Amino acid sequence: MRVGYTHKAAGFQITSEFALALPAVGLTPSAANISAQLGYGERQGPDSNRPDMEGRIVAQWKLDHAPGVAPAQIVFSGERGDRTAVVLAAAIPSAYLATFPTGATGKSHTDGWDVEWQLPSRYATLIGKFYSGSELRYFFAGQLYSYFNDTTGLTNTVSVTSVDGSSTVVFGTNANSHQVVAPERPVRSEGGFAQLGLPLSRLFNARPGGRNAGWSLYALYGIDQAKTRDLNRLGASGNRRYSTMAVGTLNYSLNRWVSFSLEQSLYTTHANPEQTLPLFRGVPSRQWNDVRMEFGPIFSF
């Protein structure tokens, strides 16, 4: 569900939106309907009757008043959601059954905010974003990490698979000899990107109706980083610390329907040096590189 409001005054436009990711209805967790659960929402998020909330505010104005130049924008957005992992009473370890006779739950949350901008002009266009938050894997950020069971200070720990089979809940005894469920804490992260676009044909004064009127060049750099102190709690699986991406793209527009693009990119993942480094050809590796070159036509209708 999404609602919005727009206000315009003196060439300046502000748009706000608010959205709810509503829970699925009538889906009992089982192997038979796992695809349906994934299709309607997160099994431990909206499906557990905890709707995610998202909202944004957009400020829009005319930065360059030349004909054909898009408006400039600054966007502020945020999201918040909760997940719950359920362990049925029948699955509670016998040593903890007296404390949790009706079952137990493990909980964590996702939250995030970002500021992004689009600043077009007849000479160049700069777009970018900076974000920060926790458990951002469903936004393809945070190195795709989710949460960890914080067993610090607990003894006699026992891991039990949740009823939907997608995570584990850890039971333990704390320093006060109380039986508890280990806190499930989200992995925190931050990152962003910036892209500069140059209309080469305009900069070199190409004739608007000529064959060289459709050249443009884009350069992008981005980074996504998870916090090391959270990764170290993940143990051996917390070995991806941060990733960077550098991309250069050269475009040629043949006409309004067909264009061609040549793109060179470098993706680099940096290992967490505080964890055991993964091996590559038998040698511990601190980073992995993926170099790509792509060329092809783009059809617009």
Protein backbone atom coordinates (compact mmCIF):
# COMPACT_ATOMS: atom_id res chain seq x y z
CA MET A 1 0.00 0.00 0.00
CA ARG A 2 1.40 3.42 -0.99
CA VAL A 3 0.17 6.99 -0.42
CA GLY A 4 1.75 10.21 -1.61
CA TYR A 5 1.51 13.99 -1.51
CA THR A 6 2.96 16.64 -3.86
CA HIS A 7 3.32 20.38 -3.21
CA LYS A 8 4.40 22.89 -5.87
CA ALA A 9 5.40 26.49 -5.31
CA ALA A 10 7.49 28.96 -7.32
CA GLY A 11 9.04 26.28 -9.51
CA PHE A 12 10.01 24.12 -6.50
CA GLN A 13 8.30 20.76 -6.02
CA ILE A 14 8.28 18.54 -2.93
CA THR A 15 6.88 15.00 -3.12
CA SER A 16 6.48 12.69 -0.14
CA GLU A 17 5.52 9.01 -0.19
CA PHE A 18 4.76 6.40 2.44
CA ALA A 19 4.49 2.67 1.79
CA LEU A 20 3.59 -0.45 3.74
CA ALA A 21 4.74 -3.95 2.80
CA LEU A 22 1.70 -5.84 4.06
CA PRO A 23 1.81 -9.40 5.39
CA ALA A 24 0.60 -12.37 3.43
CA VAL A 25 -2.62 -13.97 4.61
CA GLY A 26 -3.49 -17.63 5.05
CA LEU A 27 -0.02 -19.11 4.50
CA THR A 28 0.89 -21.77 7.02
CA PRO A 29 4.69 -22.37 7.00
CA SER A 30 5.46 -25.66 5.29
CA ALA A 31 7.70 -27.09 2.59
CA ALA A 32 4.68 -27.33 0.27
CA ASN A 33 4.09 -23.56 0.10
CA ILE A 34 7.63 -22.25 0.47
CA SER A 35 7.53 -20.70 -3.02
CA ALA A 36 4.28 -18.90 -2.18
CA GLN A 37 5.78 -17.54 1.03
CA LEU A 38 8.78 -16.17 -0.85
CA GLY A 39 6.50 -14.72 -3.50
CA TYR A 40 4.25 -12.81 -1.08
CA GLY A 41 6.92 -11.48 1.27
CA GLU A 42 9.64 -12.32 3.72
CA ARG A 43 8.68 -15.34 5.79
CA GLN A 44 9.94 -13.74 8.98
CA GLY A 45 9.06 -10.15 8.08
CA PRO A 46 5.66 -9.17 6.65
CA ASP A 47 4.51 -12.79 6.87
CA SER A 48 4.86 -12.60 10.66
CA ASN A 49 2.33 -9.73 10.79
CA ARG A 50 5.02 -7.07 11.03
CA PRO A 51 4.61 -4.80 7.99
CA ASP A 52 7.69 -3.02 6.67
CA MET A 53 7.43 0.76 6.36
CA GLU A 54 9.11 2.85 3.68
CA GLY A 55 8.90 6.54 2.91
CA ARG A 56 10.65 9.25 0.94
CA ILE A 57 10.64 12.98 0.35
CA VAL A 58 11.69 14.42 -3.01
CA ALA A 59 12.65 18.05 -3.59
CA GLN A 60 12.65 18.99 -7.28
CA TRP A 61 13.62 22.22 -9.02
CA LYS A 62 15.05 23.51 -12.29
CA LEU A 63 18.83 23.78 -11.97
CA ASP A 64 19.53 24.50 -15.65
CA HIS A 65 16.72 26.26 -17.53
CA ALA A 66 18.00 25.25 -20.97
CA PRO A 67 15.43 23.38 -23.13
CA GLY A 68 15.45 19.60 -22.73
CA VAL A 69 17.33 19.54 -19.39
CA ALA A 70 15.59 17.44 -16.73
CA PRO A 71 14.83 18.93 -13.29
CA ALA A 72 17.29 18.51 -10.42
CA GLN A 73 16.26 16.38 -7.44
CA ILE A 74 17.35 15.69 -3.87
CA VAL A 75 15.73 12.64 -2.28
CA PHE A 76 15.59 11.59 1.38
CA SER A 77 14.21 8.12 2.11
CA GLY A 78 14.05 5.58 4.90
CA GLU A 79 12.72 2.14 5.81
CA ARG A 80 12.04 0.09 8.92
CA GLY A 81 10.97 -3.52 9.35
CA ASP A 82 11.04 -6.37 11.85
CA ARG A 83 11.46 -10.11 11.52
CA THR A 84 10.57 -12.91 13.91
CA ALA A 85 11.92 -16.45 13.91
CA VAL A 86 9.59 -18.91 15.68
CA VAL A 87 10.54 -22.14 17.45
CA LEU A 88 7.58 -24.37 18.35
CA ALA A 89 7.30 -25.92 21.79
CA ALA A 90 7.92 -29.37 20.31
CA ALA A 91 11.36 -28.25 19.09
CA ILE A 92 12.55 -26.64 22.35
CA PRO A 93 15.61 -28.49 23.75
CA SER A 94 14.69 -30.50 26.85
CA ALA A 95 17.09 -28.51 29.04
CA TYR A 96 15.18 -25.30 28.22
CA LEU A 97 11.63 -26.62 28.01
CA ALA A 98 10.71 -25.55 31.55
CA THR A 99 11.64 -21.94 30.76
CA PHE A 100 10.02 -21.93 27.30
CA PRO A 101 7.06 -24.33 27.59
CA THR A 102 5.06 -22.70 24.77
CA GLY A 103 7.93 -22.08 22.35
CA ALA A 104 10.29 -19.18 21.76
CA THR A 105 11.09 -16.45 19.25
CA GLY A 106 14.18 -14.67 18.01
CA LYS A 107 13.83 -11.15 16.65
CA SER A 108 15.83 -8.57 14.74
CA HIS A 109 15.08 -5.50 12.65
CA THR A 110 16.10 -3.80 9.45
CA ASP A 111 16.39 -0.05 9.15
CA GLY A 112 18.00 2.25 6.66
CA TRP A 113 18.13 5.79 5.37
CA ASP A 114 19.68 7.45 2.38
CA VAL A 115 20.14 10.77 0.65
CA GLU A 116 20.44 10.83 -3.13
CA TRP A 117 20.78 13.54 -5.72
CA GLN A 118 20.36 14.18 -9.42
CA LEU A 119 21.98 17.38 -10.72
CA PRO A 120 21.61 17.66 -14.51
CA SER A 121 22.84 20.49 -16.69
CA ARG A 122 23.54 21.00 -20.38
CA TYR A 123 27.26 20.31 -19.73
CA ALA A 124 27.25 17.41 -17.24
CA THR A 125 24.97 15.38 -14.98
CA LEU A 126 25.97 14.24 -11.50
CA ILE A 127 23.91 11.62 -9.67
CA GLY A 128 24.72 9.80 -6.46
CA LYS A 129 23.60 8.29 -3.21
CA PHE A 130 24.81 7.74 0.35
CA TYR A 131 23.09 5.19 2.60
CA SER A 132 23.46 3.64 6.04
CA GLY A 133 21.49 1.04 7.95
CA SER A 134 21.28 -2.53 9.19
CA GLU A 135 20.30 -5.85 7.62
CA LEU A 136 20.07 -4.37 4.13
CA ARG A 137 20.48 -7.63 2.20
CA TYR A 138 17.02 -7.33 0.64
CA PHE A 139 18.12 -3.99 -0.80
CA PHE A 140 21.23 -5.73 -2.20
CA ALA A 141 23.49 -3.87 0.24
CA GLY A 142 25.38 -4.64 3.45
CA GLN A 143 27.46 -7.25 1.59
CA LEU A 144 24.21 -9.30 1.57
CA TYR A 145 24.53 -10.13 5.27
CA SER A 146 21.46 -10.38 7.47
CA TYR A 147 21.86 -10.91 11.24
CA PHE A 148 23.87 -12.93 13.76
CA ASN A 149 23.09 -14.70 17.03
CA ASP A 150 24.97 -12.79 19.73
CA THR A 151 26.11 -15.50 22.15
CA THR A 152 28.54 -13.26 24.06
CA GLY A 153 28.50 -14.23 27.75
CA LEU A 154 26.24 -17.26 27.24
CA THR A 155 27.07 -20.82 28.22
CA ASN A 156 25.45 -24.18 27.42
CA THR A 157 24.30 -22.83 24.04
CA VAL A 158 22.05 -24.93 21.81
CA SER A 159 20.99 -24.00 18.25
CA VAL A 160 17.50 -24.88 16.99
CA THR A 161 16.13 -24.41 13.47
CA SER A 162 13.12 -22.09 13.20
CA VAL A 163 9.75 -23.46 12.12
CA ASP A 164 10.18 -22.19 8.55
CA GLY A 165 13.64 -23.74 8.29
CA SER A 166 15.32 -20.52 7.16
CA SER A 167 17.30 -19.59 10.30
CA THR A 168 18.41 -20.73 13.74
CA VAL A 169 17.54 -19.62 17.26
CA VAL A 170 20.17 -20.07 19.97
CA PHE A 171 19.36 -20.86 23.60
CA GLY A 172 21.85 -20.30 26.41
CA THR A 173 22.46 -19.45 30.04
CA ASN A 174 23.62 -15.92 30.91
CA ALA A 175 25.90 -14.71 33.70
CA ASN A 176 22.93 -14.54 36.10
CA SER A 177 22.14 -18.22 35.48
CA HIS A 178 18.97 -17.30 33.58
CA GLN A 179 17.99 -19.27 30.50
CA VAL A 180 17.52 -16.89 27.58
CA VAL A 181 17.33 -16.69 23.80
CA ALA A 182 20.49 -15.19 22.34
CA PRO A 183 19.83 -11.73 20.88
CA GLU A 184 19.65 -11.66 17.10
CA ARG A 185 21.45 -8.51 15.96
CA PRO A 186 21.47 -7.08 12.42
CA VAL A 187 24.73 -6.49 10.55
CA ARG A 188 25.22 -2.74 10.10
CA SER A 189 26.56 -1.24 6.90
CA GLU A 190 26.96 1.90 4.82
CA GLY A 191 27.92 2.85 1.30
CA GLY A 192 27.01 4.82 -1.76
CA PHE A 193 27.97 5.75 -5.29
CA ALA A 194 28.46 8.72 -7.60
CA GLN A 195 28.14 8.87 -11.38
CA LEU A 196 29.22 11.67 -13.72
CA GLY A 197 27.63 11.85 -17.16
CA LEU A 198 29.14 13.91 -19.99
CA PRO A 199 27.26 14.75 -23.22
CA LEU A 200 30.30 14.45 -25.48
CA SER A 201 28.51 15.57 -28.62
CA ARG A 202 27.37 18.81 -26.98
CA LEU A 203 30.79 19.49 -25.43
CA PHE A 204 32.50 19.08 -28.83
CA ASN A 205 29.83 21.15 -30.61
CA ALA A 206 28.62 18.34 -32.84
CA ARG A 207 25.91 19.30 -35.30
CA PRO A 208 22.54 18.36 -33.68
CA GLY A 209 21.25 16.64 -36.81
CA GLY A 210 24.55 15.00 -37.75
CA ARG A 211 25.91 11.49 -37.29
CA ASN A 212 28.00 12.48 -34.25
CA ALA A 213 25.15 14.00 -32.27
CA GLY A 214 24.55 10.96 -30.02
CA TRP A 215 27.80 10.42 -28.08
CA SER A 216 27.84 10.37 -24.25
CA LEU A 217 30.22 9.12 -21.56
CA TYR A 218 29.50 7.96 -17.99
CA ALA A 219 31.90 7.24 -15.11
CA LEU A 220 30.69 5.58 -11.89
CA TYR A 221 32.30 4.55 -8.61
CA GLY A 222 30.53 2.88 -5.69
CA ILE A 223 31.31 1.20 -2.37
CA ASP A 224 29.37 -1.03 0.03
CA GLN A 225 30.84 -1.86 3.44
CA ALA A 226 29.70 -3.91 6.43
CA LYS A 227 30.99 -3.02 9.89
CA THR A 228 33.90 -5.21 10.94
CA ARG A 229 32.80 -5.52 14.59
CA ASP A 230 29.58 -7.16 13.39
CA LEU A 231 31.34 -9.37 10.84
CA ASN A 232 33.62 -10.77 13.53
CA ARG A 233 30.53 -12.03 15.38
CA LEU A 234 29.57 -14.00 12.29
CA GLY A 235 32.72 -16.08 12.52
CA ALA A 236 34.13 -17.70 9.39
CA SER A 237 31.18 -16.59 7.26
CA GLY A 238 31.92 -12.91 7.93
CA ASN A 239 34.84 -12.73 5.51
CA ARG A 240 33.45 -10.14 3.04
CA ARG A 241 34.32 -6.71 4.40
CA TYR A 242 33.56 -4.30 1.58
CA SER A 243 33.14 -4.17 -2.18
CA THR A 244 33.90 -1.48 -4.74
CA MET A 245 32.71 -0.97 -8.27
CA ALA A 246 34.21 1.22 -11.00
CA VAL A 247 32.38 1.49 -14.32
CA GLY A 248 32.97 3.46 -17.51
CA THR A 249 30.30 3.49 -20.22
CA LEU A 250 30.45 4.98 -23.71
CA ASN A 251 27.08 5.35 -25.47
CA TYR A 252 26.20 6.20 -29.04
CA SER A 253 22.61 6.96 -29.96
CA LEU A 254 21.98 6.10 -33.60
CA ASN A 255 18.41 7.36 -33.48
CA ARG A 256 15.51 7.56 -31.01
CA TRP A 257 15.01 3.78 -31.15
CA VAL A 258 18.53 2.28 -31.36
CA SER A 259 21.71 3.01 -29.43
CA PHE A 260 24.97 1.15 -28.79
CA SER A 261 26.86 0.85 -25.53
CA LEU A 262 30.43 -0.16 -24.62
CA GLU A 263 31.01 -0.72 -20.91
CA GLN A 264 34.16 -1.58 -18.96
CA SER A 265 33.78 -2.43 -15.28
CA LEU A 266 35.82 -3.64 -12.33
CA TYR A 267 34.15 -5.28 -9.32
CA THR A 268 36.39 -5.86 -6.30
CA THR A 269 35.49 -7.64 -3.04
CA HIS A 270 37.85 -7.10 -0.10
CA ALA A 271 38.20 -9.78 2.57
CA ASN A 272 37.94 -9.12 6.29
CA PRO A 273 41.56 -9.44 7.51
CA GLU A 274 40.38 -10.25 11.04
CA GLN A 275 38.85 -13.52 9.84
CA THR A 276 40.47 -16.51 8.14
CA LEU A 277 41.17 -15.46 4.59
CA PRO A 278 39.69 -17.65 1.85
CA LEU A 279 42.05 -19.53 -0.43
CA PHE A 280 42.53 -18.89 -4.14
CA ARG A 281 44.76 -21.45 -5.84
CA GLY A 282 45.97 -22.46 -2.40
CA VAL A 283 46.98 -18.93 -1.37
CA PRO A 284 45.06 -16.76 1.18
CA SER A 285 43.35 -13.99 -0.80
CA ARG A 286 42.62 -10.48 0.44
CA GLN A 287 40.53 -9.44 -2.55
CA TRP A 288 38.72 -10.84 -5.57
CA ASN A 289 38.46 -8.98 -8.87
CA ASP A 290 35.91 -9.35 -11.64
CA VAL A 291 36.83 -7.47 -14.82
CA ARG A 292 34.03 -7.24 -17.39
CA MET A 293 33.67 -5.71 -20.82
CA GLU A 294 30.26 -5.57 -22.48
CA PHE A 295 29.10 -4.27 -25.85
CA GLY A 296 25.69 -4.41 -27.41
CA PRO A 297 22.69 -2.58 -28.87
CA ILE A 298 19.87 -1.08 -26.84
CA PHE A 299 16.38 -0.84 -28.33
CA SER A 300 13.95 1.77 -26.97
CA PHE A 301 10.24 1.73 -27.75
